[in-house]
Amino acid sequence: MKKKIIGDLVKSTKRGLFHIVGANVLHNVIAFSVSFVLVRILTKTEFGQFAYARNIINMLYIIGGMGIESGIMQFCTRADETGKRSSYLHFGVRIEIWFGLALGFGILIFTHFVPLPVEGSTLLLRIMAFLPLCFHLFQAGLQYLRSLFWNHAYAYMNLTNSSLMLIFAISGGLLFGVQGAALFGYFSFVISAVVVFILIRKESKLKDGRINLNRQEKRGFLNYSVTAMLTNSITQVLYLIDTFLIGLIITDADKVATYKIATVIPFALNFIPKSLIVFVFPYLIKHKDHNLRKLLQKIQLYLGGLNIMIFSFLFLLAPWIIRYLFGAQYLEAVTPFRILSFGYFVAGTFRIPIGNTIASQLKIKYNLIVGIVTTVLHVGLDIWLITTYGIVGASIATVSAITFSVFLSAYFLYNKVLVKTQ
């Protein structure tokens, strides 16, 4: 058994597993550093305003690309011809550009008539209006790299982008305060997107052999992409709706800032299971008849052992983590931080591996059903618990919704998906 594990690690290392995991570790460390730096540069109220506006942008990130990156991942991986892969990429990018522009102008128009409940965040949201477009163009290039199994290039570009994010966040915050931090966010995505498409164009010769997709191929691509977008958007709402509703119900920038601090580490830690899935997912697509049940159990065994240690560490050291990383003014975040850390254990060990296993078999309609039911439950719990218990109630609502989604996803996986693949 020990020799087999070592052998698996050696094979995975050669294919770029540690490049992906290492880049994702550094990416999330740097992303965490951005929050850490902004907490120190901005006042608590300014950070709350920034966090609220950015939380809305993060929600729009989910729909801003219409799920095109998922379509690129699936259809470019499955395509055997270079010309077909190139065609799917160009078709998807054109849609992202038009939709991203429409979304950006829509934000500007909406905020002109409807100000946000957290004072000071409306202007910041206007500044960030076209961030989803820049973000998704970069992501489209990254997913194309994954479809080619260029794991090393994917890792290097991911790391480049996160490094630029830190540099420009610090520069913008120091030079122009909270508005500079919002504005300078564009630079990291624009530069990264330009570089990744130059790399793709140079190495894969996108102009060579490009073919026209027929109507059925375009429809299939869009149907999968939009379904994936709806599924991912509903799933990600679990991590974003709390902050939005806290601002809506409590309308206190300081409370928003405190809850945002409670979420930073538990939510960021999702990179651990996601890094493994990033590496494994293309192989699952190519090898549809693989023994998914055994593979999933192996993934959950390794992740479970690691995640229980992480959760224990975070739970015990929560007061010191909050005090020394973010400051004594955020100590109110300790209790929701502990609750959300348990939520990470549940999501990182069960929800993320199970949901991606379902998606790898093109059964994303089940993930969509889980997402819809879970979101309805989550919003209802949020309204009740935030009104009653404030930010602690928000964290309880999130963990409850995550746990419920695990049971529902597991039901679909073992009764609808794996049964047909064995």
Protein backbone atom coordinates (compact mmCIF):
# COMPACT_ATOMS: atom_id res chain seq x y z
CA MET A 1 0.00 0.00 0.00
CA LYS A 2 2.81 2.38 0.94
CA LYS A 3 4.65 1.64 -2.32
CA LYS A 4 1.47 2.28 -4.30
CA ILE A 5 0.92 5.66 -2.64
CA ILE A 6 4.53 6.65 -3.34
CA GLY A 7 4.16 5.48 -6.94
CA ASP A 8 1.01 7.53 -7.40
CA LEU A 9 2.76 10.59 -6.01
CA VAL A 10 5.73 10.16 -8.36
CA LYS A 11 3.47 9.86 -11.41
CA SER A 12 1.38 12.84 -10.34
CA THR A 13 4.49 14.93 -9.71
CA LYS A 14 5.70 14.36 -13.25
CA ARG A 15 2.32 15.48 -14.59
CA GLY A 16 2.45 18.74 -12.66
CA LEU A 17 0.49 18.01 -9.48
CA PHE A 18 2.92 19.80 -7.18
CA HIS A 19 3.19 22.72 -9.59
CA ILE A 20 -0.57 23.17 -9.40
CA VAL A 21 -0.79 22.63 -5.66
CA GLY A 22 2.24 24.81 -4.98
CA ALA A 23 0.93 27.61 -7.19
CA ASN A 24 -2.49 27.41 -5.54
CA VAL A 25 -0.90 27.49 -2.09
CA LEU A 26 1.05 30.61 -3.00
CA HIS A 27 -1.98 32.10 -4.76
CA ASN A 28 -4.11 31.77 -1.64
CA VAL A 29 -1.32 32.94 0.66
CA ILE A 30 -0.96 36.02 -1.52
CA ALA A 31 -4.75 36.52 -1.73
CA PHE A 32 -4.86 36.32 2.06
CA SER A 33 -1.99 38.80 2.19
CA VAL A 34 -4.07 41.24 0.14
CA SER A 35 -6.78 41.23 2.82
CA PHE A 36 -4.15 41.41 5.54
CA VAL A 37 -2.47 44.43 3.93
CA LEU A 38 -5.73 46.25 3.24
CA VAL A 39 -6.84 45.73 6.86
CA ARG A 40 -3.67 47.54 7.94
CA ILE A 41 -3.81 50.30 5.30
CA LEU A 42 -7.53 51.12 5.49
CA THR A 43 -9.66 52.09 8.46
CA LYS A 44 -12.17 49.53 9.73
CA THR A 45 -15.03 51.47 8.12
CA GLU A 46 -13.20 51.78 4.79
CA PHE A 47 -12.36 48.09 4.82
CA GLY A 48 -16.03 47.30 5.49
CA GLN A 49 -17.08 49.47 2.53
CA PHE A 50 -14.49 47.82 0.28
CA ALA A 51 -15.42 44.32 1.47
CA TYR A 52 -19.12 44.92 0.83
CA ALA A 53 -18.58 46.25 -2.70
CA ARG A 54 -16.06 43.53 -3.50
CA ASN A 55 -18.42 40.88 -2.15
CA ILE A 56 -21.04 41.99 -4.68
CA ILE A 57 -18.43 41.89 -7.46
CA ASN A 58 -17.44 38.39 -6.34
CA MET A 59 -21.10 37.38 -6.67
CA LEU A 60 -21.15 38.85 -10.18
CA TYR A 61 -17.91 37.03 -11.03
CA ILE A 62 -19.95 33.86 -10.91
CA ILE A 63 -22.40 34.87 -13.64
CA GLY A 64 -20.12 37.31 -15.42
CA GLY A 65 -18.59 34.70 -17.71
CA MET A 66 -21.78 32.70 -18.35
CA GLY A 67 -19.89 29.56 -17.33
CA ILE A 68 -17.77 29.77 -20.49
CA GLU A 69 -14.65 28.62 -18.64
CA SER A 70 -16.41 25.37 -17.71
CA GLY A 71 -17.40 24.89 -21.34
CA ILE A 72 -13.83 25.49 -22.48
CA MET A 73 -12.56 22.99 -19.93
CA GLN A 74 -15.00 20.27 -21.01
CA PHE A 75 -15.20 20.73 -24.77
CA CYS A 76 -11.58 21.66 -25.45
CA THR A 77 -10.43 18.68 -23.38
CA ARG A 78 -12.71 16.32 -25.29
CA ALA A 79 -11.83 17.73 -28.72
CA ASP A 80 -9.21 15.69 -30.57
CA GLU A 81 -8.44 18.29 -33.22
CA THR A 82 -6.44 21.46 -32.60
CA GLY A 83 -8.78 23.40 -34.86
CA LYS A 84 -11.85 22.33 -32.89
CA ARG A 85 -10.24 23.33 -29.58
CA SER A 86 -9.28 26.70 -31.03
CA SER A 87 -12.81 27.25 -32.30
CA TYR A 88 -14.40 26.54 -28.94
CA LEU A 89 -11.97 28.95 -27.25
CA HIS A 90 -12.67 31.80 -29.68
CA PHE A 91 -16.41 31.22 -29.60
CA GLY A 92 -16.41 31.33 -25.81
CA VAL A 93 -14.18 34.41 -25.53
CA ARG A 94 -16.41 36.41 -27.90
CA ILE A 95 -19.44 35.65 -25.74
CA GLU A 96 -17.55 36.60 -22.57
CA ILE A 97 -16.55 39.97 -24.00
CA TRP A 98 -20.06 40.99 -25.02
CA PHE A 99 -21.67 39.71 -21.84
CA GLY A 100 -18.99 41.28 -19.63
CA LEU A 101 -19.45 44.68 -21.26
CA ALA A 102 -23.23 44.46 -20.83
CA LEU A 103 -22.84 43.49 -17.18
CA GLY A 104 -20.42 46.36 -16.49
CA PHE A 105 -22.69 48.99 -17.98
CA GLY A 106 -25.62 47.39 -16.18
CA ILE A 107 -23.84 47.90 -12.85
CA LEU A 108 -23.20 51.56 -13.64
CA ILE A 109 -26.84 52.15 -14.55
CA PHE A 110 -28.19 50.22 -11.55
CA THR A 111 -26.04 52.04 -8.99
CA HIS A 112 -27.04 55.39 -10.49
CA PHE A 113 -30.63 54.75 -9.41
CA VAL A 114 -30.17 52.36 -6.43
CA PRO A 115 -27.45 53.16 -3.85
CA LEU A 116 -26.07 50.33 -1.72
CA PRO A 117 -27.18 50.08 1.94
CA VAL A 118 -23.60 50.33 3.27
CA GLU A 119 -22.62 53.98 2.96
CA GLY A 120 -19.57 54.60 0.80
CA SER A 121 -19.67 51.28 -1.07
CA THR A 122 -21.69 52.49 -4.08
CA LEU A 123 -18.79 54.44 -5.63
CA LEU A 124 -16.46 51.49 -5.08
CA LEU A 125 -18.88 49.16 -6.85
CA ARG A 126 -18.97 51.54 -9.83
CA ILE A 127 -15.16 51.55 -9.97
CA MET A 128 -15.14 47.72 -10.02
CA ALA A 129 -17.94 47.40 -12.61
CA PHE A 130 -15.79 45.87 -15.37
CA LEU A 131 -13.65 43.63 -13.15
CA PRO A 132 -15.78 40.54 -13.99
CA LEU A 133 -14.96 40.95 -17.69
CA CYS A 134 -11.20 41.16 -17.05
CA PHE A 135 -11.33 38.27 -14.58
CA HIS A 136 -13.18 35.92 -16.93
CA LEU A 137 -10.97 36.61 -19.94
CA PHE A 138 -7.99 35.57 -17.84
CA GLN A 139 -9.85 32.51 -16.55
CA ALA A 140 -10.78 31.45 -20.08
CA GLY A 141 -7.10 31.36 -20.97
CA LEU A 142 -6.27 29.41 -17.82
CA GLN A 143 -8.92 26.77 -18.51
CA TYR A 144 -7.62 26.36 -22.05
CA LEU A 145 -4.19 25.62 -20.59
CA ARG A 146 -5.80 22.98 -18.37
CA SER A 147 -7.58 21.41 -21.34
CA LEU A 148 -4.16 20.95 -22.99
CA PHE A 149 -2.78 19.44 -19.76
CA TRP A 150 -0.24 22.28 -19.61
CA ASN A 151 -0.22 22.07 -15.83
CA HIS A 152 3.12 23.82 -15.45
CA ALA A 153 2.04 26.82 -17.56
CA TYR A 154 -1.28 26.94 -15.67
CA ALA A 155 0.57 27.04 -12.36
CA TYR A 156 3.00 29.76 -13.45
CA MET A 157 0.23 32.00 -14.82
CA ASN A 158 -1.89 31.55 -11.70
CA LEU A 159 1.08 32.54 -9.56
CA THR A 160 1.88 35.52 -11.78
CA ASN A 161 -1.68 36.83 -11.46
CA SER A 162 -1.78 36.49 -7.67
CA SER A 163 1.58 38.25 -7.33
CA LEU A 164 0.33 41.14 -9.42
CA MET A 165 -2.82 41.31 -7.31
CA LEU A 166 -0.74 41.85 -4.18
CA ILE A 167 1.54 44.43 -5.80
CA PHE A 168 -1.31 46.52 -7.19
CA ALA A 169 -3.49 46.22 -4.06
CA ILE A 170 -0.66 47.62 -1.94
CA SER A 171 0.18 50.30 -4.51
CA GLY A 172 -3.41 51.42 -4.96
CA GLY A 173 -4.19 51.41 -1.24
CA LEU A 174 -1.08 53.36 -0.29
CA LEU A 175 -1.33 55.91 -3.10
CA PHE A 176 -5.07 56.56 -3.29
CA GLY A 177 -6.70 54.82 -0.34
CA VAL A 178 -9.79 52.64 -0.66
CA GLN A 179 -10.64 53.94 -4.16
CA GLY A 180 -7.12 53.18 -5.36
CA ALA A 181 -7.36 49.64 -3.99
CA ALA A 182 -10.55 49.17 -6.02
CA LEU A 183 -9.19 50.71 -9.23
CA PHE A 184 -5.79 49.03 -9.26
CA GLY A 185 -7.46 45.61 -9.17
CA TYR A 186 -7.87 45.86 -12.95
CA PHE A 187 -4.16 45.85 -13.67
CA SER A 188 -3.45 42.33 -12.42
CA PHE A 189 -6.18 40.72 -14.56
CA VAL A 190 -5.51 42.76 -17.70
CA ILE A 191 -1.78 42.06 -17.65
CA SER A 192 -2.29 38.36 -16.84
CA ALA A 193 -4.92 37.92 -19.58
CA VAL A 194 -2.65 39.50 -22.20
CA VAL A 195 0.28 37.29 -21.20
CA VAL A 196 -1.70 34.03 -21.12
CA PHE A 197 -3.20 34.60 -24.59
CA ILE A 198 0.19 35.51 -26.01
CA LEU A 199 1.47 32.22 -24.59
CA ILE A 200 -1.42 30.23 -26.03
CA ARG A 201 -1.18 31.92 -29.43
CA LYS A 202 2.55 31.31 -29.64
CA GLU A 203 2.61 27.71 -28.45
CA SER A 204 -0.60 26.18 -29.81
CA LYS A 205 -0.83 28.15 -33.09
CA LEU A 206 -4.50 29.05 -32.70
CA LYS A 207 -4.77 30.39 -36.24
CA ASP A 208 -3.85 27.05 -37.78
CA GLY A 209 -6.73 24.80 -38.75
CA ARG A 210 -9.53 26.73 -37.02
CA ILE A 211 -12.92 25.45 -38.16
CA ASN A 212 -16.44 26.78 -37.93
CA LEU A 213 -18.60 25.22 -35.24
CA ASN A 214 -22.01 24.09 -36.40
CA ARG A 215 -25.21 25.12 -34.66
CA GLN A 216 -25.47 21.89 -32.69
CA GLU A 217 -21.91 22.22 -31.38
CA LYS A 218 -22.49 25.82 -30.32
CA ARG A 219 -25.78 24.90 -28.65
CA GLY A 220 -24.16 22.02 -26.77
CA PHE A 221 -21.31 24.26 -25.62
CA LEU A 222 -23.67 27.00 -24.44
CA ASN A 223 -26.09 24.60 -22.75
CA TYR A 224 -23.31 23.03 -20.73
CA SER A 225 -21.70 26.41 -19.93
CA VAL A 226 -24.90 28.07 -18.76
CA THR A 227 -25.91 25.04 -16.67
CA ALA A 228 -22.44 25.01 -15.10
CA MET A 229 -22.70 28.75 -14.47
CA LEU A 230 -26.05 28.36 -12.72
CA THR A 231 -24.69 25.49 -10.65
CA ASN A 232 -21.48 27.30 -9.70
CA SER A 233 -23.30 30.54 -8.98
CA ILE A 234 -25.70 28.86 -6.62
CA THR A 235 -22.84 27.00 -4.94
CA GLN A 236 -20.72 30.13 -4.51
CA VAL A 237 -23.66 32.05 -3.10
CA LEU A 238 -23.18 29.90 0.01
CA TYR A 239 -19.97 31.83 0.66
CA LEU A 240 -21.14 35.29 -0.38
CA ILE A 241 -24.78 35.75 0.57
CA ASP A 242 -23.99 36.17 4.29
CA THR A 243 -21.96 39.35 3.83
CA PHE A 244 -24.57 40.79 1.48
CA LEU A 245 -27.45 40.10 3.91
CA ILE A 246 -25.50 41.38 6.92
CA GLY A 247 -25.05 44.68 5.11
CA LEU A 248 -28.72 44.66 4.08
CA ILE A 249 -30.16 43.73 7.49
CA ILE A 250 -27.67 45.31 9.92
CA THR A 251 -26.38 48.10 7.58
CA ASP A 252 -23.22 48.50 9.66
CA ALA A 253 -19.87 48.66 7.83
CA ASP A 254 -18.00 47.60 10.99
CA LYS A 255 -20.11 44.43 11.31
CA VAL A 256 -19.52 43.68 7.64
CA ALA A 257 -15.77 44.12 8.17
CA THR A 258 -15.78 41.85 11.24
CA TYR A 259 -17.66 39.06 9.46
CA LYS A 260 -15.44 39.41 6.42
CA ILE A 261 -12.40 38.84 8.63
CA ALA A 262 -14.06 35.70 10.06
CA THR A 263 -14.46 34.29 6.54
CA VAL A 264 -11.02 35.06 5.10
CA ILE A 265 -9.11 31.98 6.29
CA PRO A 266 -11.90 29.33 6.33
CA PHE A 267 -13.05 30.25 2.82
CA ALA A 268 -9.51 30.61 1.47
CA LEU A 269 -8.64 27.10 2.66
CA ASN A 270 -10.96 25.65 0.03
CA PHE A 271 -7.96 25.91 -2.27
CA ILE A 272 -6.65 22.67 -0.74
CA PRO A 273 -9.35 20.35 -2.11
CA LYS A 274 -9.81 22.52 -5.20
CA SER A 275 -6.11 22.25 -6.05
CA LEU A 276 -6.37 18.49 -6.09
CA ILE A 277 -9.54 18.66 -8.18
CA VAL A 278 -7.88 21.07 -10.65
CA PHE A 279 -5.26 18.40 -11.29
CA VAL A 280 -7.58 15.37 -11.34
CA PHE A 281 -10.58 16.77 -13.23
CA PRO A 282 -9.22 16.66 -16.82
CA TYR A 283 -8.22 13.02 -16.30
CA LEU A 284 -11.71 12.19 -15.08
CA ILE A 285 -13.12 13.71 -18.26
CA LYS A 286 -10.79 11.70 -20.48
CA HIS A 287 -11.34 8.45 -18.56
CA LYS A 288 -15.09 8.44 -18.09
CA ASP A 289 -15.29 4.76 -17.12
CA HIS A 290 -12.67 5.04 -14.40
CA ASN A 291 -13.55 3.49 -11.05
CA LEU A 292 -14.86 6.71 -9.59
CA ARG A 293 -16.07 5.22 -6.33
CA LYS A 294 -12.61 4.05 -5.27
CA LEU A 295 -10.94 7.22 -6.50
CA LEU A 296 -13.39 9.41 -4.59
CA GLN A 297 -12.92 7.40 -1.41
CA LYS A 298 -9.15 7.77 -1.72
CA ILE A 299 -9.44 11.53 -2.22
CA GLN A 300 -11.75 11.90 0.77
CA LEU A 301 -9.51 9.75 2.97
CA TYR A 302 -6.46 11.92 2.31
CA LEU A 303 -8.38 15.18 2.55
CA GLY A 304 -10.24 14.12 5.68
CA GLY A 305 -7.04 13.39 7.59
CA LEU A 306 -5.51 16.71 6.60
CA ASN A 307 -8.66 18.76 7.15
CA ILE A 308 -9.38 17.48 10.66
CA MET A 309 -5.92 18.66 11.70
CA ILE A 310 -6.47 22.05 10.08
CA PHE A 311 -9.86 22.47 11.75
CA SER A 312 -8.47 21.54 15.17
CA PHE A 313 -5.64 24.04 14.78
CA LEU A 314 -7.97 26.87 13.74
CA PHE A 315 -10.53 26.15 16.46
CA LEU A 316 -8.00 26.11 19.28
CA LEU A 317 -5.94 29.09 18.16
CA ALA A 318 -8.79 31.27 16.87
CA PRO A 319 -8.33 34.16 19.37
CA TRP A 320 -4.60 34.41 18.68
CA ILE A 321 -5.09 34.14 14.91
CA ILE A 322 -7.63 36.97 14.85
CA ARG A 323 -5.72 39.20 17.27
CA TYR A 324 -2.26 38.92 15.72
CA LEU A 325 -3.19 38.69 12.04
CA PHE A 326 -5.99 41.25 11.90
CA GLY A 327 -5.94 43.22 15.14
CA ALA A 328 -7.73 43.30 18.49
CA GLN A 329 -10.57 45.38 17.02
CA TYR A 330 -11.74 42.23 15.16
CA LEU A 331 -11.92 39.85 18.16
CA GLU A 332 -15.70 39.69 17.77
CA ALA A 333 -14.94 37.50 14.74
CA VAL A 334 -13.61 34.60 16.88
CA THR A 335 -16.90 32.70 17.30
CA PRO A 336 -18.02 32.89 13.64
CA PHE A 337 -14.42 32.06 12.65
CA ARG A 338 -14.59 28.81 14.64
CA ILE A 339 -17.98 27.88 13.19
CA LEU A 340 -16.85 28.59 9.62
CA SER A 341 -13.67 26.56 10.20
CA PHE A 342 -15.87 23.53 10.83
CA GLY A 343 -17.71 24.44 7.64
CA TYR A 344 -14.40 24.24 5.80
CA PHE A 345 -13.85 20.71 7.12
CA VAL A 346 -17.26 19.61 5.80
CA ALA A 347 -16.89 21.36 2.43
CA GLY A 348 -13.24 20.44 1.89
CA THR A 349 -13.67 16.78 2.75
CA PHE A 350 -17.09 16.03 1.27
CA ARG A 351 -18.90 18.75 -0.70
CA ILE A 352 -16.15 19.76 -3.13
CA PRO A 353 -14.94 16.23 -4.06
CA ILE A 354 -18.50 14.88 -4.40
CA GLY A 355 -19.76 17.82 -6.47
CA ASN A 356 -16.82 17.66 -8.86
CA THR A 357 -17.15 13.90 -9.28
CA ILE A 358 -20.76 14.44 -10.38
CA ALA A 359 -19.71 17.22 -12.78
CA SER A 360 -16.95 15.10 -14.32
CA GLN A 361 -19.61 12.70 -15.59
CA LEU A 362 -21.62 15.52 -17.25
CA LYS A 363 -24.38 15.09 -14.65
CA ILE A 364 -24.31 18.72 -13.57
CA LYS A 365 -28.11 18.88 -13.50
CA TYR A 366 -27.88 17.10 -10.13
CA ASN A 367 -25.48 19.75 -8.83
CA LEU A 368 -27.92 22.39 -10.06
CA ILE A 369 -30.77 20.79 -8.11
CA VAL A 370 -28.61 20.62 -4.98
CA GLY A 371 -27.62 24.25 -5.42
CA ILE A 372 -31.16 25.54 -5.83
CA VAL A 373 -32.53 23.66 -2.82
CA THR A 374 -29.53 24.58 -0.66
CA THR A 375 -29.67 28.27 -1.58
CA VAL A 376 -33.36 28.55 -0.68
CA LEU A 377 -32.58 26.94 2.68
CA HIS A 378 -29.53 29.16 3.19
CA VAL A 379 -31.31 32.44 2.49
CA GLY A 380 -34.15 31.50 4.82
CA LEU A 381 -31.73 30.57 7.60
CA ASP A 382 -29.70 33.73 7.01
CA ILE A 383 -32.68 36.06 7.34
CA TRP A 384 -33.82 34.34 10.53
CA LEU A 385 -30.43 33.84 12.18
CA ILE A 386 -28.84 37.18 11.25
CA THR A 387 -31.89 38.99 12.59
CA THR A 388 -31.71 36.94 15.81
CA TYR A 389 -27.98 36.33 16.39
CA GLY A 390 -26.18 38.80 14.10
CA ILE A 391 -22.91 37.69 12.48
CA VAL A 392 -22.78 34.47 14.55
CA GLY A 393 -26.15 33.54 13.08
CA ALA A 394 -24.76 34.12 9.59
CA SER A 395 -21.96 31.62 10.17
CA ILE A 396 -24.37 29.01 11.56
CA ALA A 397 -26.60 29.43 8.50
CA THR A 398 -23.67 28.87 6.13
CA VAL A 399 -22.39 25.72 7.84
CA SER A 400 -25.92 24.30 8.08
CA ALA A 401 -26.46 24.85 4.36
CA ILE A 402 -23.08 23.29 3.46
CA THR A 403 -23.83 20.21 5.57
CA PHE A 404 -27.27 19.79 4.02
CA SER A 405 -25.79 20.05 0.52
CA VAL A 406 -23.35 17.22 1.30
CA PHE A 407 -26.15 14.80 2.17
CA LEU A 408 -28.17 15.74 -0.91
CA SER A 409 -25.14 15.52 -3.24
CA ALA A 410 -24.11 12.17 -1.80
CA TYR A 411 -27.61 10.83 -2.45
CA PHE A 412 -27.43 11.80 -6.13
CA LEU A 413 -23.87 10.56 -6.52
CA TYR A 414 -24.39 7.08 -5.11
CA ASN A 415 -27.91 6.53 -6.43
CA LYS A 416 -27.88 8.29 -9.82
CA VAL A 417 -24.30 8.69 -11.04
CA LEU A 418 -21.89 6.02 -9.77
CA VAL A 419 -24.44 3.27 -10.29
CA LYS A 420 -24.26 3.93 -14.03
CA THR A 421 -20.46 4.17 -14.26
CA GLN A 422 -19.50 0.94 -12.57
